[in-house]
Amino acid sequence: MKKIFAIIGLVLAVQLSGADVARAQNPSASGLALPRFVSIRGIEVNMRTGPGMQHPVEWVYRLAGLPLEIVAEHKTWRKVRDWEGAQGWVHQSMLAGKRAFIITEGPVSIRAQPAPESAEIARADSGVVGELRACPEQSGWCRVVADGFEGWLQRTDFWGVLDGETIK
């Protein structure tokens, strides 16, 4: 059985101010639904304390493809939340619409079919990031790809999809 490991680089943690929370209440600049999931486009992405380059960097993400949840928008800036609950602002150019997931508590089994008795293809440890391919309607399973392994994960085994969300 092959095992998938993760390497995640994060630095600099700070709490958000009340002003950041107030800015988050602005309506969606893009017209797209909130909240929604995206992924990190670049190899190194700064998350700032506010929507603009003048705001200090709060986190530096160093893993392309990492999922983030957009919770608010201000012009070309997106307020995001990561799987650990950290929130801050990222420029839209650093985000991609490609869906991703992260294993929050592993190891978990990637299965050949969307059923617990299905054959195990691989085991994925906490912190493994992969591509989210599909989450059928009213299913507790999603089709994923991680480190070349394609199979099915239970929705409860990862972070990166809204409750009841269908992905085709």
C-alpha atoms as a PDB file:
ATOM      1  CA  MET A   1       0.000   0.000   0.000  1.00  0.00           C
ATOM      2  CA  LYS A   2       1.451   3.361  -1.002  1.00  0.00           C
ATOM      3  CA  LYS A   3       1.217   6.219   1.446  1.00  0.00           C
ATOM      4  CA  ILE A   4       0.961   9.924   0.608  1.00  0.00           C
ATOM      5  CA  PHE A   5       2.740  12.450   2.831  1.00  0.00           C
ATOM      6  CA  ALA A   6       2.374  16.218   3.019  1.00  0.00           C
ATOM      7  CA  ILE A   7       4.681  19.196   3.264  1.00  0.00           C
ATOM      8  CA  ILE A   8       3.085  22.512   4.094  1.00  0.00           C
ATOM      9  CA  GLY A   9       4.935  25.773   4.740  1.00  0.00           C
ATOM     10  CA  LEU A  10       3.146  28.464   6.726  1.00  0.00           C
ATOM     11  CA  VAL A  11       4.648  31.399   8.587  1.00  0.00           C
ATOM     12  CA  LEU A  12       3.601  34.450  10.619  1.00  0.00           C
ATOM     13  CA  ALA A  13       0.301  34.148  12.533  1.00  0.00           C
ATOM     14  CA  VAL A  14      -1.669  37.199  13.798  1.00  0.00           C
ATOM     15  CA  GLN A  15      -5.310  37.818  14.762  1.00  0.00           C
ATOM     16  CA  LEU A  16      -7.649  39.880  12.553  1.00  0.00           C
ATOM     17  CA  SER A  17      -8.899  43.263  13.730  1.00  0.00           C
ATOM     18  CA  GLY A  18     -12.514  44.338  14.069  1.00  0.00           C
ATOM     19  CA  ALA A  19     -12.060  46.566  10.985  1.00  0.00           C
ATOM     20  CA  ASP A  20     -11.275  43.495   8.883  1.00  0.00           C
ATOM     21  CA  VAL A  21     -14.459  41.842  10.085  1.00  0.00           C
ATOM     22  CA  ALA A  22     -16.471  44.945   9.121  1.00  0.00           C
ATOM     23  CA  ARG A  23     -14.910  44.992   5.626  1.00  0.00           C
ATOM     24  CA  ALA A  24     -15.962  41.371   5.170  1.00  0.00           C
ATOM     25  CA  GLN A  25     -19.591  42.445   5.239  1.00  0.00           C
ATOM     26  CA  ASN A  26     -19.278  44.244   1.868  1.00  0.00           C
ATOM     27  CA  PRO A  27     -21.262  42.641  -0.957  1.00  0.00           C
ATOM     28  CA  SER A  28     -19.519  40.327  -3.433  1.00  0.00           C
ATOM     29  CA  ALA A  29     -17.403  42.316  -5.924  1.00  0.00           C
ATOM     30  CA  SER A  30     -17.353  39.486  -8.471  1.00  0.00           C
ATOM     31  CA  GLY A  31     -21.064  38.676  -8.302  1.00  0.00           C
ATOM     32  CA  LEU A  32     -20.197  35.045  -7.477  1.00  0.00           C
ATOM     33  CA  ALA A  33     -21.721  33.195  -4.542  1.00  0.00           C
ATOM     34  CA  LEU A  34     -20.186  33.475  -1.096  1.00  0.00           C
ATOM     35  CA  PRO A  35     -18.811  31.445   0.501  1.00  0.00           C
ATOM     36  CA  ARG A  36     -17.046  29.424  -2.214  1.00  0.00           C
ATOM     37  CA  PHE A  37     -13.844  27.434  -2.495  1.00  0.00           C
ATOM     38  CA  VAL A  38     -10.796  28.185  -4.652  1.00  0.00           C
ATOM     39  CA  SER A  39      -7.168  27.107  -4.591  1.00  0.00           C
ATOM     40  CA  ILE A  40      -3.829  28.857  -4.369  1.00  0.00           C
ATOM     41  CA  ARG A  41      -2.360  29.592  -7.802  1.00  0.00           C
ATOM     42  CA  GLY A  42       1.210  30.514  -6.879  1.00  0.00           C
ATOM     43  CA  ILE A  43       4.069  28.819  -5.095  1.00  0.00           C
ATOM     44  CA  GLU A  44       4.219  31.628  -2.524  1.00  0.00           C
ATOM     45  CA  VAL A  45       1.086  33.592  -1.656  1.00  0.00           C
ATOM     46  CA  ASN A  46       0.786  36.347   0.946  1.00  0.00           C
ATOM     47  CA  MET A  47      -2.341  36.606   3.067  1.00  0.00           C
ATOM     48  CA  ARG A  48      -2.682  40.168   4.364  1.00  0.00           C
ATOM     49  CA  THR A  49      -4.542  41.720   7.281  1.00  0.00           C
ATOM     50  CA  GLY A  50      -6.601  43.895   4.904  1.00  0.00           C
ATOM     51  CA  PRO A  51      -7.532  44.260   1.229  1.00  0.00           C
ATOM     52  CA  GLY A  52      -4.489  46.057  -0.185  1.00  0.00           C
ATOM     53  CA  MET A  53      -0.716  45.968  -0.535  1.00  0.00           C
ATOM     54  CA  GLN A  54      -0.392  48.543   2.261  1.00  0.00           C
ATOM     55  CA  HIS A  55      -1.632  45.983   4.809  1.00  0.00           C
ATOM     56  CA  PRO A  56       0.927  43.765   6.544  1.00  0.00           C
ATOM     57  CA  VAL A  57       1.397  40.122   5.577  1.00  0.00           C
ATOM     58  CA  GLU A  58      -0.268  37.812   8.084  1.00  0.00           C
ATOM     59  CA  TRP A  59       0.537  34.410   6.549  1.00  0.00           C
ATOM     60  CA  VAL A  60       2.697  33.167   3.701  1.00  0.00           C
ATOM     61  CA  TYR A  61       1.352  30.047   1.994  1.00  0.00           C
ATOM     62  CA  ARG A  62       3.954  27.973   0.195  1.00  0.00           C
ATOM     63  CA  LEU A  63       1.897  25.224  -1.383  1.00  0.00           C
ATOM     64  CA  ALA A  64       0.287  25.667  -4.808  1.00  0.00           C
ATOM     65  CA  GLY A  65      -3.114  24.011  -5.017  1.00  0.00           C
ATOM     66  CA  LEU A  66      -3.986  24.504  -1.343  1.00  0.00           C
ATOM     67  CA  PRO A  67      -7.758  25.053  -0.923  1.00  0.00           C
ATOM     68  CA  LEU A  68      -9.087  28.295   0.561  1.00  0.00           C
ATOM     69  CA  GLU A  69     -12.654  29.400   1.219  1.00  0.00           C
ATOM     70  CA  ILE A  70     -13.612  32.887   0.007  1.00  0.00           C
ATOM     71  CA  VAL A  71     -15.834  34.485   2.635  1.00  0.00           C
ATOM     72  CA  ALA A  72     -15.872  38.112   1.399  1.00  0.00           C
ATOM     73  CA  GLU A  73     -14.704  40.323  -1.477  1.00  0.00           C
ATOM     74  CA  HIS A  74     -13.492  43.911  -1.802  1.00  0.00           C
ATOM     75  CA  LYS A  75     -12.654  45.028  -5.354  1.00  0.00           C
ATOM     76  CA  THR A  76      -9.823  42.703  -6.517  1.00  0.00           C
ATOM     77  CA  TRP A  77      -9.163  41.311  -3.022  1.00  0.00           C
ATOM     78  CA  ARG A  78     -10.664  38.165  -1.533  1.00  0.00           C
ATOM     79  CA  LYS A  79     -11.037  37.497   2.168  1.00  0.00           C
ATOM     80  CA  VAL A  80     -10.195  33.847   2.619  1.00  0.00           C
ATOM     81  CA  ARG A  81     -10.238  31.256   5.359  1.00  0.00           C
ATOM     82  CA  ASP A  82      -7.992  28.208   5.479  1.00  0.00           C
ATOM     83  CA  TRP A  83      -8.678  24.755   6.915  1.00  0.00           C
ATOM     84  CA  GLU A  84      -7.392  25.835  10.326  1.00  0.00           C
ATOM     85  CA  GLY A  85      -9.693  28.880  10.475  1.00  0.00           C
ATOM     86  CA  ALA A  86      -7.065  31.558   9.772  1.00  0.00           C
ATOM     87  CA  GLN A  87      -8.562  34.468   7.810  1.00  0.00           C
ATOM     88  CA  GLY A  88      -7.074  37.274   5.781  1.00  0.00           C
ATOM     89  CA  TRP A  89      -6.960  38.947   2.369  1.00  0.00           C
ATOM     90  CA  VAL A  90      -5.402  37.614  -0.856  1.00  0.00           C
ATOM     91  CA  HIS A  91      -5.310  39.296  -4.276  1.00  0.00           C
ATOM     92  CA  GLN A  92      -7.583  37.533  -6.768  1.00  0.00           C
ATOM     93  CA  SER A  93      -4.669  36.987  -9.193  1.00  0.00           C
ATOM     94  CA  MET A  94      -3.141  34.551  -6.675  1.00  0.00           C
ATOM     95  CA  LEU A  95      -6.247  32.329  -6.636  1.00  0.00           C
ATOM     96  CA  ALA A  96      -7.527  29.758  -9.113  1.00  0.00           C
ATOM     97  CA  GLY A  97     -11.004  28.321  -9.630  1.00  0.00           C
ATOM     98  CA  LYS A  98      -9.554  24.801  -9.592  1.00  0.00           C
ATOM     99  CA  ARG A  99     -11.082  22.834  -6.724  1.00  0.00           C
ATOM    100  CA  ALA A 100      -8.821  21.222  -4.176  1.00  0.00           C
ATOM    101  CA  PHE A 101      -8.987  19.467  -0.814  1.00  0.00           C
ATOM    102  CA  ILE A 102      -6.777  18.946   2.223  1.00  0.00           C
ATOM    103  CA  ILE A 103      -6.854  15.980   4.582  1.00  0.00           C
ATOM    104  CA  THR A 104      -7.434  17.433   8.043  1.00  0.00           C
ATOM    105  CA  GLU A 105      -7.161  14.268  10.142  1.00  0.00           C
ATOM    106  CA  GLY A 106      -5.402  11.306   8.621  1.00  0.00           C
ATOM    107  CA  PRO A 107      -4.580   8.807   7.627  1.00  0.00           C
ATOM    108  CA  VAL A 108      -7.696   8.221   5.507  1.00  0.00           C
ATOM    109  CA  SER A 109      -8.430   5.691   2.787  1.00  0.00           C
ATOM    110  CA  ILE A 110      -8.818   6.654  -0.853  1.00  0.00           C
ATOM    111  CA  ARG A 111     -11.228   4.033  -2.217  1.00  0.00           C
ATOM    112  CA  ALA A 112     -11.749   2.593  -5.714  1.00  0.00           C
ATOM    113  CA  GLN A 113     -15.511   3.225  -5.510  1.00  0.00           C
ATOM    114  CA  PRO A 114     -17.690   5.483  -3.337  1.00  0.00           C
ATOM    115  CA  ALA A 115     -18.340   2.816  -0.709  1.00  0.00           C
ATOM    116  CA  PRO A 116     -16.599   1.963   2.581  1.00  0.00           C
ATOM    117  CA  GLU A 117     -16.192  -1.692   1.573  1.00  0.00           C
ATOM    118  CA  SER A 118     -14.531  -0.765  -1.737  1.00  0.00           C
ATOM    119  CA  ALA A 119     -10.849  -1.550  -2.271  1.00  0.00           C
ATOM    120  CA  GLU A 120      -8.356   0.871  -0.738  1.00  0.00           C
ATOM    121  CA  ILE A 121      -6.184   2.488  -3.433  1.00  0.00           C
ATOM    122  CA  ALA A 122      -4.000   4.558  -1.092  1.00  0.00           C
ATOM    123  CA  ARG A 123      -3.829   6.057   2.386  1.00  0.00           C
ATOM    124  CA  ALA A 124      -3.452   9.788   2.736  1.00  0.00           C
ATOM    125  CA  ASP A 125      -1.977  11.442   5.815  1.00  0.00           C
ATOM    126  CA  SER A 126      -3.024  14.715   7.433  1.00  0.00           C
ATOM    127  CA  GLY A 127      -1.944  17.687   5.331  1.00  0.00           C
ATOM    128  CA  VAL A 128      -2.142  15.893   1.975  1.00  0.00           C
ATOM    129  CA  VAL A 129      -3.507  18.233  -0.708  1.00  0.00           C
ATOM    130  CA  GLY A 130      -5.130  17.037  -3.903  1.00  0.00           C
ATOM    131  CA  GLU A 131      -7.567  17.869  -6.664  1.00  0.00           C
ATOM    132  CA  LEU A 132     -11.302  17.620  -6.094  1.00  0.00           C
ATOM    133  CA  ARG A 133     -12.872  16.164  -9.265  1.00  0.00           C
ATOM    134  CA  ALA A 134     -16.542  15.555  -8.418  1.00  0.00           C
ATOM    135  CA  CYS A 135     -18.975  15.413  -5.521  1.00  0.00           C
ATOM    136  CA  PRO A 136     -22.228  13.837  -6.711  1.00  0.00           C
ATOM    137  CA  GLU A 137     -25.524  15.239  -5.500  1.00  0.00           C
ATOM    138  CA  GLN A 138     -26.693  13.793  -2.173  1.00  0.00           C
ATOM    139  CA  SER A 139     -23.554  11.681  -1.843  1.00  0.00           C
ATOM    140  CA  GLY A 140     -21.245  11.404   1.127  1.00  0.00           C
ATOM    141  CA  TRP A 141     -18.327  10.824  -1.262  1.00  0.00           C
ATOM    142  CA  CYS A 142     -16.167  12.883  -3.636  1.00  0.00           C
ATOM    143  CA  ARG A 143     -13.874  11.766  -6.474  1.00  0.00           C
ATOM    144  CA  VAL A 144     -10.318  12.998  -5.876  1.00  0.00           C
ATOM    145  CA  VAL A 145      -6.763  12.832  -7.227  1.00  0.00           C
ATOM    146  CA  ALA A 146      -3.764  12.984  -4.899  1.00  0.00           C
ATOM    147  CA  ASP A 147      -0.158  12.229  -5.811  1.00  0.00           C
ATOM    148  CA  GLY A 148      -1.267  10.325  -8.934  1.00  0.00           C
ATOM    149  CA  PHE A 149      -3.886   8.234  -7.127  1.00  0.00           C
ATOM    150  CA  GLU A 150      -7.478   8.706  -8.294  1.00  0.00           C
ATOM    151  CA  GLY A 151     -10.342   7.441  -6.185  1.00  0.00           C
ATOM    152  CA  TRP A 152     -13.037   8.365  -3.690  1.00  0.00           C
ATOM    153  CA  LEU A 153     -12.923  10.020  -0.255  1.00  0.00           C
ATOM    154  CA  GLN A 154     -15.738  10.434   2.222  1.00  0.00           C
ATOM    155  CA  ARG A 155     -16.693  14.112   2.564  1.00  0.00           C
ATOM    156  CA  THR A 156     -15.982  13.921   6.287  1.00  0.00           C
ATOM    157  CA  ASP A 157     -12.332  12.947   5.588  1.00  0.00           C
ATOM    158  CA  PHE A 158     -11.230  16.299   4.118  1.00  0.00           C
ATOM    159  CA  TRP A 159     -11.776  20.065   3.972  1.00  0.00           C
ATOM    160  CA  GLY A 160     -12.614  21.891   0.735  1.00  0.00           C
ATOM    161  CA  VAL A 161     -16.295  21.399  -0.038  1.00  0.00           C
ATOM    162  CA  LEU A 162     -19.429  23.065   1.337  1.00  0.00           C
ATOM    163  CA  ASP A 163     -22.045  20.946   3.116  1.00  0.00           C
ATOM    164  CA  GLY A 164     -24.377  19.479   0.506  1.00  0.00           C
ATOM    165  CA  GLU A 165     -22.412  21.027  -2.405  1.00  0.00           C
ATOM    166  CA  THR A 166     -22.557  19.243  -5.764  1.00  0.00           C
ATOM    167  CA  ILE A 167     -19.472  19.346  -7.978  1.00  0.00           C
ATOM    168  CA  LYS A 168     -19.745  17.936 -11.495  1.00  0.00           C
END
